[in-house]
Amino acid sequence: MSKHHGKHPGPADNMAYRVDPGVLREYRENGAVCLRGVFSPDWVDKVSKGIEKNKARPSRYSESLVGEGGPGAYFNDYCNWRSIPEFQDLVFHSPAAQIAAQLMDSQTAVFYHEHVLTKDPGTYKTTPWHHDQAYYPVDGDKVCSIWMPVDPVPMETSLQFVCGSHGWGWFYPRKFATTRNYSLTGGDTGSRTYRDVPDIDGDRDKYEILTWDVQPGDCIVFHMKTLHGAPANPSMALRRRVVSTRWIGDDAVLAERPWEISPPITGGLSYGDKMACDTFPLIWKRD
């Protein structure tokens, strides 16, 4: 059933997770869904070890942001899966690729990258409202992320989404450190219109906000154009460690952006090319 490209280990037989049709409809309508008990304790343990390896040896892309009022840091880093066997194992052998393909309504699941996102106890740095696809050099509608916590995350500190916002068009990407929009590198945005992210926290009654408390083994899957953000983690007892894997489907192509892309990796592709390549491996393909 499962195939892959590139010099990577082949998938195991743990690729039989079936998403309920009602959940598929919920994802299409809302742009985000929570799946319970998807990843076994073994997967949670592996990913936890991978996160700690990443934090011990962060890459040049890493950030550690501290807000006012607490000692904790908001750490994030990405594109380290080739050097962290636990992450490579998650990508090639877990149910993630098939889950992504079903929710994207795609015949294939190509792995784009992983993103580690942790908030220490006493982290007062929030995650600003944004959507992901404007950061990425990727066009197409069959695109999603799987947000996988390895710690219990109560609703008060969990990821939040604006219901249906994946259908609202394009928003400027924002710097997490400053919340300012990315600077244009080409003078204009071409034929595409981008808007400022609205002040969601300033007018929350205007929006339907989706959020879930999640346990290790659960995951949240969301479209790359769904607006989302996250509160601080003021608890002095609870950690919030997450890896988010990014997936792209049949219609995704490399695309130009009028600012510096993040991550700054294109796999040697040209604009308009399908994304599957050694840098972005094809993990799953429907028979």
C-alpha atoms as a PDB file:
ATOM      1  CA  MET A   1       0.000   0.000   0.000  1.00  0.00           C
ATOM      2  CA  SER A   2       2.754   2.447   0.939  1.00  0.00           C
ATOM      3  CA  LYS A   3       5.581   3.646  -1.263  1.00  0.00           C
ATOM      4  CA  HIS A   4       8.317   6.245  -0.979  1.00  0.00           C
ATOM      5  CA  HIS A   5      10.962   8.026  -3.006  1.00  0.00           C
ATOM      6  CA  GLY A   6      14.572   8.690  -2.094  1.00  0.00           C
ATOM      7  CA  LYS A   7      17.175   6.921   0.017  1.00  0.00           C
ATOM      8  CA  HIS A   8      15.143   6.514   3.157  1.00  0.00           C
ATOM      9  CA  PRO A   9      13.848   3.552   5.153  1.00  0.00           C
ATOM     10  CA  GLY A  10      10.620   2.129   3.818  1.00  0.00           C
ATOM     11  CA  PRO A  11       7.353   2.407   5.744  1.00  0.00           C
ATOM     12  CA  ALA A  12       6.300  -0.342   8.089  1.00  0.00           C
ATOM     13  CA  ASP A  13       2.830  -1.884   8.213  1.00  0.00           C
ATOM     14  CA  ASN A  14       1.599   0.671  10.775  1.00  0.00           C
ATOM     15  CA  MET A  15      -0.261   2.623   8.089  1.00  0.00           C
ATOM     16  CA  ALA A  16      -3.848   1.417   8.463  1.00  0.00           C
ATOM     17  CA  TYR A  17      -5.494   4.296  10.346  1.00  0.00           C
ATOM     18  CA  ARG A  18      -8.838   5.225   8.802  1.00  0.00           C
ATOM     19  CA  VAL A  19     -10.301   8.687   9.379  1.00  0.00           C
ATOM     20  CA  ASP A  20     -14.053   8.683  10.027  1.00  0.00           C
ATOM     21  CA  PRO A  21     -16.101  10.313   7.209  1.00  0.00           C
ATOM     22  CA  GLY A  22     -17.640  12.718   9.714  1.00  0.00           C
ATOM     23  CA  VAL A  23     -14.174  13.884  10.733  1.00  0.00           C
ATOM     24  CA  LEU A  24     -13.266  14.392   7.071  1.00  0.00           C
ATOM     25  CA  ARG A  25     -16.296  16.655   6.655  1.00  0.00           C
ATOM     26  CA  GLU A  26     -15.428  18.539   9.838  1.00  0.00           C
ATOM     27  CA  TYR A  27     -11.908  19.157   8.557  1.00  0.00           C
ATOM     28  CA  ARG A  28     -13.126  20.403   5.177  1.00  0.00           C
ATOM     29  CA  GLU A  29     -15.630  22.775   6.792  1.00  0.00           C
ATOM     30  CA  ASN A  30     -13.664  24.004   9.810  1.00  0.00           C
ATOM     31  CA  GLY A  31     -10.029  23.733   8.726  1.00  0.00           C
ATOM     32  CA  ALA A  32      -8.982  21.883  11.909  1.00  0.00           C
ATOM     33  CA  VAL A  33      -9.879  18.649  13.731  1.00  0.00           C
ATOM     34  CA  CYS A  34      -8.723  16.803  16.835  1.00  0.00           C
ATOM     35  CA  LEU A  35      -8.013  13.066  16.557  1.00  0.00           C
ATOM     36  CA  ARG A  36      -7.879  11.075  19.793  1.00  0.00           C
ATOM     37  CA  GLY A  37      -5.485   8.232  20.567  1.00  0.00           C
ATOM     38  CA  VAL A  38      -3.831   8.174  17.149  1.00  0.00           C
ATOM     39  CA  PHE A  39      -0.250   7.644  18.284  1.00  0.00           C
ATOM     40  CA  SER A  40       0.735   4.781  20.588  1.00  0.00           C
ATOM     41  CA  PRO A  41       2.778   5.316  23.788  1.00  0.00           C
ATOM     42  CA  ASP A  42       5.819   4.043  21.875  1.00  0.00           C
ATOM     43  CA  TRP A  43       5.436   6.848  19.323  1.00  0.00           C
ATOM     44  CA  VAL A  44       4.966   9.418  22.074  1.00  0.00           C
ATOM     45  CA  ASP A  45       8.126   8.192  23.813  1.00  0.00           C
ATOM     46  CA  LYS A  46      10.147   8.265  20.587  1.00  0.00           C
ATOM     47  CA  VAL A  47       9.017  11.750  19.675  1.00  0.00           C
ATOM     48  CA  SER A  48       9.701  12.986  23.216  1.00  0.00           C
ATOM     49  CA  LYS A  49      13.269  11.708  22.927  1.00  0.00           C
ATOM     50  CA  GLY A  50      13.592  13.359  19.516  1.00  0.00           C
ATOM     51  CA  ILE A  51      12.429  16.700  20.891  1.00  0.00           C
ATOM     52  CA  GLU A  52      14.996  16.544  23.701  1.00  0.00           C
ATOM     53  CA  LYS A  53      17.745  15.731  21.174  1.00  0.00           C
ATOM     54  CA  ASN A  54      16.673  18.717  19.081  1.00  0.00           C
ATOM     55  CA  LYS A  55      16.701  21.044  22.095  1.00  0.00           C
ATOM     56  CA  ALA A  56      20.145  19.782  23.142  1.00  0.00           C
ATOM     57  CA  ARG A  57      21.548  20.430  19.646  1.00  0.00           C
ATOM     58  CA  PRO A  58      19.443  23.143  17.997  1.00  0.00           C
ATOM     59  CA  SER A  59      19.997  24.111  14.385  1.00  0.00           C
ATOM     60  CA  ARG A  60      20.766  27.547  12.937  1.00  0.00           C
ATOM     61  CA  TYR A  61      17.005  27.981  12.368  1.00  0.00           C
ATOM     62  CA  SER A  62      16.121  27.737  16.067  1.00  0.00           C
ATOM     63  CA  GLU A  63      14.602  30.478  18.208  1.00  0.00           C
ATOM     64  CA  SER A  64      14.188  30.746  21.973  1.00  0.00           C
ATOM     65  CA  LEU A  65      11.766  33.549  22.839  1.00  0.00           C
ATOM     66  CA  VAL A  66      11.054  34.835  26.337  1.00  0.00           C
ATOM     67  CA  GLY A  67       8.021  36.882  27.262  1.00  0.00           C
ATOM     68  CA  GLU A  68       7.622  39.321  30.116  1.00  0.00           C
ATOM     69  CA  GLY A  69       6.715  37.932  33.518  1.00  0.00           C
ATOM     70  CA  GLY A  70       8.213  34.447  33.620  1.00  0.00           C
ATOM     71  CA  PRO A  71      11.487  32.512  33.320  1.00  0.00           C
ATOM     72  CA  GLY A  72      10.360  30.038  30.649  1.00  0.00           C
ATOM     73  CA  ALA A  73      11.219  30.106  26.944  1.00  0.00           C
ATOM     74  CA  TYR A  74       9.238  29.400  23.783  1.00  0.00           C
ATOM     75  CA  PHE A  75      11.628  27.265  21.721  1.00  0.00           C
ATOM     76  CA  ASN A  76      11.087  26.379  18.086  1.00  0.00           C
ATOM     77  CA  ASP A  77      13.267  24.726  15.469  1.00  0.00           C
ATOM     78  CA  TYR A  78      12.677  22.867  12.212  1.00  0.00           C
ATOM     79  CA  CYS A  79      14.094  20.719   9.402  1.00  0.00           C
ATOM     80  CA  ASN A  80      16.181  18.439  11.633  1.00  0.00           C
ATOM     81  CA  TRP A  81      14.507  15.124  10.839  1.00  0.00           C
ATOM     82  CA  ARG A  82      17.456  13.733   8.869  1.00  0.00           C
ATOM     83  CA  SER A  83      19.734  13.984  11.918  1.00  0.00           C
ATOM     84  CA  ILE A  84      17.189  12.791  14.505  1.00  0.00           C
ATOM     85  CA  PRO A  85      16.282   9.103  13.973  1.00  0.00           C
ATOM     86  CA  GLU A  86      13.152   9.351  16.130  1.00  0.00           C
ATOM     87  CA  PHE A  87      11.692  12.006  13.819  1.00  0.00           C
ATOM     88  CA  GLN A  88      12.642  10.047  10.706  1.00  0.00           C
ATOM     89  CA  ASP A  89      10.921   7.014  12.201  1.00  0.00           C
ATOM     90  CA  LEU A  90       7.773   9.069  12.870  1.00  0.00           C
ATOM     91  CA  VAL A  91       7.661  10.317   9.285  1.00  0.00           C
ATOM     92  CA  PHE A  92       8.188   6.971   7.565  1.00  0.00           C
ATOM     93  CA  HIS A  93       6.614   4.455   9.934  1.00  0.00           C
ATOM     94  CA  SER A  94       3.805   6.095  11.902  1.00  0.00           C
ATOM     95  CA  PRO A  95       0.182   6.604  10.764  1.00  0.00           C
ATOM     96  CA  ALA A  96       0.880  10.313  10.118  1.00  0.00           C
ATOM     97  CA  ALA A  97       1.277  10.164   6.330  1.00  0.00           C
ATOM     98  CA  GLN A  98      -1.935   8.231   5.723  1.00  0.00           C
ATOM     99  CA  ILE A  99      -3.872  10.473   8.112  1.00  0.00           C
ATOM    100  CA  ALA A 100      -2.611  13.509   6.225  1.00  0.00           C
ATOM    101  CA  ALA A 101      -3.479  12.024   2.825  1.00  0.00           C
ATOM    102  CA  GLN A 102      -7.045  11.253   3.889  1.00  0.00           C
ATOM    103  CA  LEU A 103      -7.695  14.675   5.374  1.00  0.00           C
ATOM    104  CA  MET A 104      -6.126  16.414   2.358  1.00  0.00           C
ATOM    105  CA  ASP A 105      -8.237  14.209   0.046  1.00  0.00           C
ATOM    106  CA  SER A 106      -5.003  13.380  -1.731  1.00  0.00           C
ATOM    107  CA  GLN A 107      -3.700  10.301  -3.499  1.00  0.00           C
ATOM    108  CA  THR A 108      -0.264  10.983  -2.057  1.00  0.00           C
ATOM    109  CA  ALA A 109       1.366  12.385   1.074  1.00  0.00           C
ATOM    110  CA  VAL A 110       4.689  14.183   0.626  1.00  0.00           C
ATOM    111  CA  PHE A 111       6.617  15.143   3.763  1.00  0.00           C
ATOM    112  CA  TYR A 112       7.619  18.812   3.827  1.00  0.00           C
ATOM    113  CA  HIS A 113       9.299  19.251   7.230  1.00  0.00           C
ATOM    114  CA  GLU A 114       8.916  18.908  10.985  1.00  0.00           C
ATOM    115  CA  HIS A 115       8.696  21.782  13.462  1.00  0.00           C
ATOM    116  CA  VAL A 116       9.468  21.432  17.177  1.00  0.00           C
ATOM    117  CA  LEU A 117       7.516  23.870  19.368  1.00  0.00           C
ATOM    118  CA  THR A 118       7.991  23.828  23.139  1.00  0.00           C
ATOM    119  CA  LYS A 119       6.935  26.126  25.958  1.00  0.00           C
ATOM    120  CA  ASP A 120       8.712  25.639  29.274  1.00  0.00           C
ATOM    121  CA  PRO A 121       6.865  26.053  32.553  1.00  0.00           C
ATOM    122  CA  GLY A 122       6.462  29.768  33.183  1.00  0.00           C
ATOM    123  CA  THR A 123       6.583  30.796  29.513  1.00  0.00           C
ATOM    124  CA  TYR A 124       4.723  34.067  29.018  1.00  0.00           C
ATOM    125  CA  LYS A 125       5.436  34.317  25.295  1.00  0.00           C
ATOM    126  CA  THR A 126       2.301  33.749  23.238  1.00  0.00           C
ATOM    127  CA  THR A 127       2.141  32.380  19.698  1.00  0.00           C
ATOM    128  CA  PRO A 128       0.724  35.197  17.550  1.00  0.00           C
ATOM    129  CA  TRP A 129      -2.250  34.569  15.285  1.00  0.00           C
ATOM    130  CA  HIS A 130      -1.071  33.576  11.815  1.00  0.00           C
ATOM    131  CA  HIS A 131      -1.490  31.000   9.098  1.00  0.00           C
ATOM    132  CA  ASP A 132       1.361  28.865   7.852  1.00  0.00           C
ATOM    133  CA  GLN A 133       1.102  28.695   4.089  1.00  0.00           C
ATOM    134  CA  ALA A 134       2.161  32.301   3.477  1.00  0.00           C
ATOM    135  CA  TYR A 135       5.524  31.495   5.100  1.00  0.00           C
ATOM    136  CA  TYR A 136       6.073  28.509   2.822  1.00  0.00           C
ATOM    137  CA  PRO A 137       6.972  28.482  -0.902  1.00  0.00           C
ATOM    138  CA  VAL A 138       4.023  26.160  -1.513  1.00  0.00           C
ATOM    139  CA  ASP A 139       0.822  26.748  -3.488  1.00  0.00           C
ATOM    140  CA  GLY A 140      -2.081  24.286  -3.497  1.00  0.00           C
ATOM    141  CA  ASP A 141      -5.077  23.438  -1.336  1.00  0.00           C
ATOM    142  CA  LYS A 142      -4.066  19.909  -0.303  1.00  0.00           C
ATOM    143  CA  VAL A 143      -1.736  20.923   2.514  1.00  0.00           C
ATOM    144  CA  CYS A 144      -1.888  20.260   6.261  1.00  0.00           C
ATOM    145  CA  SER A 145      -0.012  20.023   9.540  1.00  0.00           C
ATOM    146  CA  ILE A 146      -0.262  17.365  12.244  1.00  0.00           C
ATOM    147  CA  TRP A 147       0.326  18.939  15.691  1.00  0.00           C
ATOM    148  CA  MET A 148       1.405  16.136  18.032  1.00  0.00           C
ATOM    149  CA  PRO A 149       1.902  16.864  21.761  1.00  0.00           C
ATOM    150  CA  VAL A 150       3.976  14.592  23.982  1.00  0.00           C
ATOM    151  CA  ASP A 151       2.692  16.257  27.183  1.00  0.00           C
ATOM    152  CA  PRO A 152      -0.882  16.813  28.379  1.00  0.00           C
ATOM    153  CA  VAL A 153      -2.003  20.233  27.112  1.00  0.00           C
ATOM    154  CA  PRO A 154      -5.025  21.777  28.865  1.00  0.00           C
ATOM    155  CA  MET A 155      -7.389  23.908  26.842  1.00  0.00           C
ATOM    156  CA  GLU A 156      -6.030  27.055  28.532  1.00  0.00           C
ATOM    157  CA  THR A 157      -2.649  26.655  26.806  1.00  0.00           C
ATOM    158  CA  SER A 158      -3.633  24.654  23.720  1.00  0.00           C
ATOM    159  CA  LEU A 159      -3.532  25.710  20.101  1.00  0.00           C
ATOM    160  CA  GLN A 160      -6.527  27.803  18.978  1.00  0.00           C
ATOM    161  CA  PHE A 161      -8.043  28.109  15.509  1.00  0.00           C
ATOM    162  CA  VAL A 162     -10.451  30.445  13.762  1.00  0.00           C
ATOM    163  CA  CYS A 163     -13.129  28.128  12.396  1.00  0.00           C
ATOM    164  CA  GLY A 164     -13.392  28.230   8.600  1.00  0.00           C
ATOM    165  CA  SER A 165     -10.535  30.701   8.136  1.00  0.00           C
ATOM    166  CA  HIS A 166      -8.748  28.399   5.672  1.00  0.00           C
ATOM    167  CA  GLY A 167     -11.246  29.755   3.132  1.00  0.00           C
ATOM    168  CA  TRP A 168     -10.530  33.435   3.796  1.00  0.00           C
ATOM    169  CA  GLY A 169      -7.657  33.964   1.378  1.00  0.00           C
ATOM    170  CA  TRP A 170      -4.102  34.967   2.188  1.00  0.00           C
ATOM    171  CA  PHE A 171      -2.597  36.840   5.146  1.00  0.00           C
ATOM    172  CA  TYR A 172       0.846  38.349   5.595  1.00  0.00           C
ATOM    173  CA  PRO A 173       3.232  36.150   7.598  1.00  0.00           C
ATOM    174  CA  ARG A 174       4.333  37.571  10.951  1.00  0.00           C
ATOM    175  CA  LYS A 175       7.540  37.355  12.954  1.00  0.00           C
ATOM    176  CA  PHE A 176       6.916  35.400  16.146  1.00  0.00           C
ATOM    177  CA  ALA A 177       9.422  37.525  18.073  1.00  0.00           C
ATOM    178  CA  THR A 178       7.850  40.908  17.199  1.00  0.00           C
ATOM    179  CA  THR A 179       4.422  40.009  15.657  1.00  0.00           C
ATOM    180  CA  ARG A 180       5.296  42.364  12.780  1.00  0.00           C
ATOM    181  CA  ASN A 181       4.583  41.417   9.178  1.00  0.00           C
ATOM    182  CA  TYR A 182       7.424  40.064   7.075  1.00  0.00           C
ATOM    183  CA  SER A 183       9.154  42.704   4.947  1.00  0.00           C
ATOM    184  CA  LEU A 184       8.677  42.534   1.189  1.00  0.00           C
ATOM    185  CA  THR A 185      11.799  41.719  -0.809  1.00  0.00           C
ATOM    186  CA  GLY A 186      10.381  42.421  -4.263  1.00  0.00           C
ATOM    187  CA  GLY A 187       8.471  45.663  -3.734  1.00  0.00           C
ATOM    188  CA  ASP A 188       4.968  44.227  -4.139  1.00  0.00           C
ATOM    189  CA  THR A 189       2.984  41.006  -3.812  1.00  0.00           C
ATOM    190  CA  GLY A 190       2.272  40.575  -7.514  1.00  0.00           C
ATOM    191  CA  SER A 191      -1.212  39.470  -8.501  1.00  0.00           C
ATOM    192  CA  ARG A 192      -2.060  37.935  -5.121  1.00  0.00           C
ATOM    193  CA  THR A 193      -3.683  40.006  -2.391  1.00  0.00           C
ATOM    194  CA  TYR A 194      -2.449  39.557   1.167  1.00  0.00           C
ATOM    195  CA  ARG A 195      -4.140  41.119   4.187  1.00  0.00           C
ATOM    196  CA  ASP A 196      -3.036  41.840   7.720  1.00  0.00           C
ATOM    197  CA  VAL A 197      -4.032  39.163  10.211  1.00  0.00           C
ATOM    198  CA  PRO A 198      -7.100  40.550  12.023  1.00  0.00           C
ATOM    199  CA  ASP A 199      -7.005  41.438  15.718  1.00  0.00           C
ATOM    200  CA  ILE A 200      -8.705  38.235  16.829  1.00  0.00           C
ATOM    201  CA  ASP A 201      -7.997  38.616  20.546  1.00  0.00           C
ATOM    202  CA  GLY A 202      -9.354  42.155  20.455  1.00  0.00           C
ATOM    203  CA  ASP A 203     -12.732  41.015  19.096  1.00  0.00           C
ATOM    204  CA  ARG A 204     -13.047  37.317  19.979  1.00  0.00           C
ATOM    205  CA  ASP A 205     -16.849  37.409  19.987  1.00  0.00           C
ATOM    206  CA  LYS A 206     -16.700  38.013  16.249  1.00  0.00           C
ATOM    207  CA  TYR A 207     -15.048  34.656  15.580  1.00  0.00           C
ATOM    208  CA  GLU A 208     -15.773  31.009  16.282  1.00  0.00           C
ATOM    209  CA  ILE A 209     -12.657  29.759  18.067  1.00  0.00           C
ATOM    210  CA  LEU A 210     -11.825  26.047  18.050  1.00  0.00           C
ATOM    211  CA  THR A 211      -9.571  24.555  20.725  1.00  0.00           C
ATOM    212  CA  TRP A 212      -9.144  21.220  22.464  1.00  0.00           C
ATOM    213  CA  ASP A 213      -7.434  19.859  25.543  1.00  0.00           C
ATOM    214  CA  VAL A 214      -5.136  17.118  24.293  1.00  0.00           C
ATOM    215  CA  GLN A 215      -3.290  14.168  25.773  1.00  0.00           C
ATOM    216  CA  PRO A 216      -0.158  12.373  24.553  1.00  0.00           C
ATOM    217  CA  GLY A 217      -1.307  10.183  21.645  1.00  0.00           C
ATOM    218  CA  ASP A 218      -3.826  12.765  20.410  1.00  0.00           C
ATOM    219  CA  CYS A 219      -3.133  15.144  17.556  1.00  0.00           C
ATOM    220  CA  ILE A 220      -4.670  18.195  15.918  1.00  0.00           C
ATOM    221  CA  VAL A 221      -4.661  18.351  12.126  1.00  0.00           C
ATOM    222  CA  PHE A 222      -5.161  21.700  10.420  1.00  0.00           C
ATOM    223  CA  HIS A 223      -5.041  23.252   6.969  1.00  0.00           C
ATOM    224  CA  MET A 224      -1.992  25.411   6.290  1.00  0.00           C
ATOM    225  CA  LYS A 225      -4.237  28.444   5.688  1.00  0.00           C
ATOM    226  CA  THR A 226      -6.224  28.118   8.926  1.00  0.00           C
ATOM    227  CA  LEU A 227      -5.543  31.037  11.252  1.00  0.00           C
ATOM    228  CA  HIS A 228      -4.203  29.836  14.596  1.00  0.00           C
ATOM    229  CA  GLY A 229      -2.302  30.952  17.666  1.00  0.00           C
ATOM    230  CA  ALA A 230      -1.623  29.833  21.227  1.00  0.00           C
ATOM    231  CA  PRO A 231      -1.630  31.383  24.713  1.00  0.00           C
ATOM    232  CA  ALA A 232       1.300  31.578  27.091  1.00  0.00           C
ATOM    233  CA  ASN A 233       2.114  28.686  29.430  1.00  0.00           C
ATOM    234  CA  PRO A 234       2.054  30.360  32.875  1.00  0.00           C
ATOM    235  CA  SER A 235       1.986  27.055  34.772  1.00  0.00           C
ATOM    236  CA  MET A 236       5.168  26.459  36.728  1.00  0.00           C
ATOM    237  CA  ALA A 237       4.522  22.688  36.644  1.00  0.00           C
ATOM    238  CA  LEU A 238       3.478  21.841  33.065  1.00  0.00           C
ATOM    239  CA  ARG A 239       5.666  21.625  29.983  1.00  0.00           C
ATOM    240  CA  ARG A 240       4.158  21.922  26.500  1.00  0.00           C
ATOM    241  CA  ARG A 241       6.281  19.970  24.021  1.00  0.00           C
ATOM    242  CA  VAL A 242       5.005  19.429  20.491  1.00  0.00           C
ATOM    243  CA  VAL A 243       6.264  18.323  17.111  1.00  0.00           C
ATOM    244  CA  SER A 244       4.251  19.460  14.113  1.00  0.00           C
ATOM    245  CA  THR A 245       4.790  17.569  10.863  1.00  0.00           C
ATOM    246  CA  ARG A 246       3.952  19.389   7.605  1.00  0.00           C
ATOM    247  CA  TRP A 247       2.406  17.478   4.694  1.00  0.00           C
ATOM    248  CA  ILE A 248       1.607  18.317   1.076  1.00  0.00           C
ATOM    249  CA  GLY A 249      -0.632  16.544  -1.413  1.00  0.00           C
ATOM    250  CA  ASP A 250      -1.426  16.097  -5.085  1.00  0.00           C
ATOM    251  CA  ASP A 251      -1.932  19.720  -6.113  1.00  0.00           C
ATOM    252  CA  ALA A 252       0.983  21.301  -4.212  1.00  0.00           C
ATOM    253  CA  VAL A 253       3.709  23.031  -6.238  1.00  0.00           C
ATOM    254  CA  LEU A 254       6.734  25.161  -5.411  1.00  0.00           C
ATOM    255  CA  ALA A 255       5.764  28.840  -5.479  1.00  0.00           C
ATOM    256  CA  GLU A 256       7.456  32.211  -5.216  1.00  0.00           C
ATOM    257  CA  ARG A 257       6.818  34.488  -2.227  1.00  0.00           C
ATOM    258  CA  PRO A 258       7.514  38.239  -2.050  1.00  0.00           C
ATOM    259  CA  TRP A 259       9.494  37.843   1.208  1.00  0.00           C
ATOM    260  CA  GLU A 260      12.139  35.554   2.646  1.00  0.00           C
ATOM    261  CA  ILE A 261      10.586  32.106   2.867  1.00  0.00           C
ATOM    262  CA  SER A 262      10.574  30.046   6.043  1.00  0.00           C
ATOM    263  CA  PRO A 263      12.024  27.482   6.029  1.00  0.00           C
ATOM    264  CA  PRO A 264      14.493  28.699   3.354  1.00  0.00           C
ATOM    265  CA  ILE A 265      14.618  25.326   1.590  1.00  0.00           C
ATOM    266  CA  THR A 266      13.331  24.539  -1.913  1.00  0.00           C
ATOM    267  CA  GLY A 267      14.959  21.177  -2.690  1.00  0.00           C
ATOM    268  CA  GLY A 268      16.476  22.478  -5.935  1.00  0.00           C
ATOM    269  CA  LEU A 269      13.011  22.686  -7.497  1.00  0.00           C
ATOM    270  CA  SER A 270      11.771  25.337  -9.929  1.00  0.00           C
ATOM    271  CA  TYR A 271       8.585  27.358  -9.452  1.00  0.00           C
ATOM    272  CA  GLY A 272       5.601  25.316 -10.582  1.00  0.00           C
ATOM    273  CA  ASP A 273       7.283  21.954  -9.927  1.00  0.00           C
ATOM    274  CA  LYS A 274       5.503  19.264  -7.956  1.00  0.00           C
ATOM    275  CA  MET A 275       7.101  18.964  -4.546  1.00  0.00           C
ATOM    276  CA  ALA A 276       8.103  15.290  -4.274  1.00  0.00           C
ATOM    277  CA  CYS A 277      11.895  14.967  -4.400  1.00  0.00           C
ATOM    278  CA  ASP A 278      14.751  13.745  -2.199  1.00  0.00           C
ATOM    279  CA  THR A 279      14.405  16.823   0.009  1.00  0.00           C
ATOM    280  CA  PHE A 280      10.627  16.405   0.324  1.00  0.00           C
ATOM    281  CA  PRO A 281      10.087  12.633   0.122  1.00  0.00           C
ATOM    282  CA  LEU A 282       6.922  10.910  -1.033  1.00  0.00           C
ATOM    283  CA  ILE A 283       5.903   8.840   2.001  1.00  0.00           C
ATOM    284  CA  TRP A 284       2.544   7.376   1.042  1.00  0.00           C
ATOM    285  CA  LYS A 285       0.714   6.687  -2.213  1.00  0.00           C
ATOM    286  CA  ARG A 286      -2.747   5.221  -2.623  1.00  0.00           C
ATOM    287  CA  ASP A 287      -2.799   1.961  -4.580  1.00  0.00           C
END
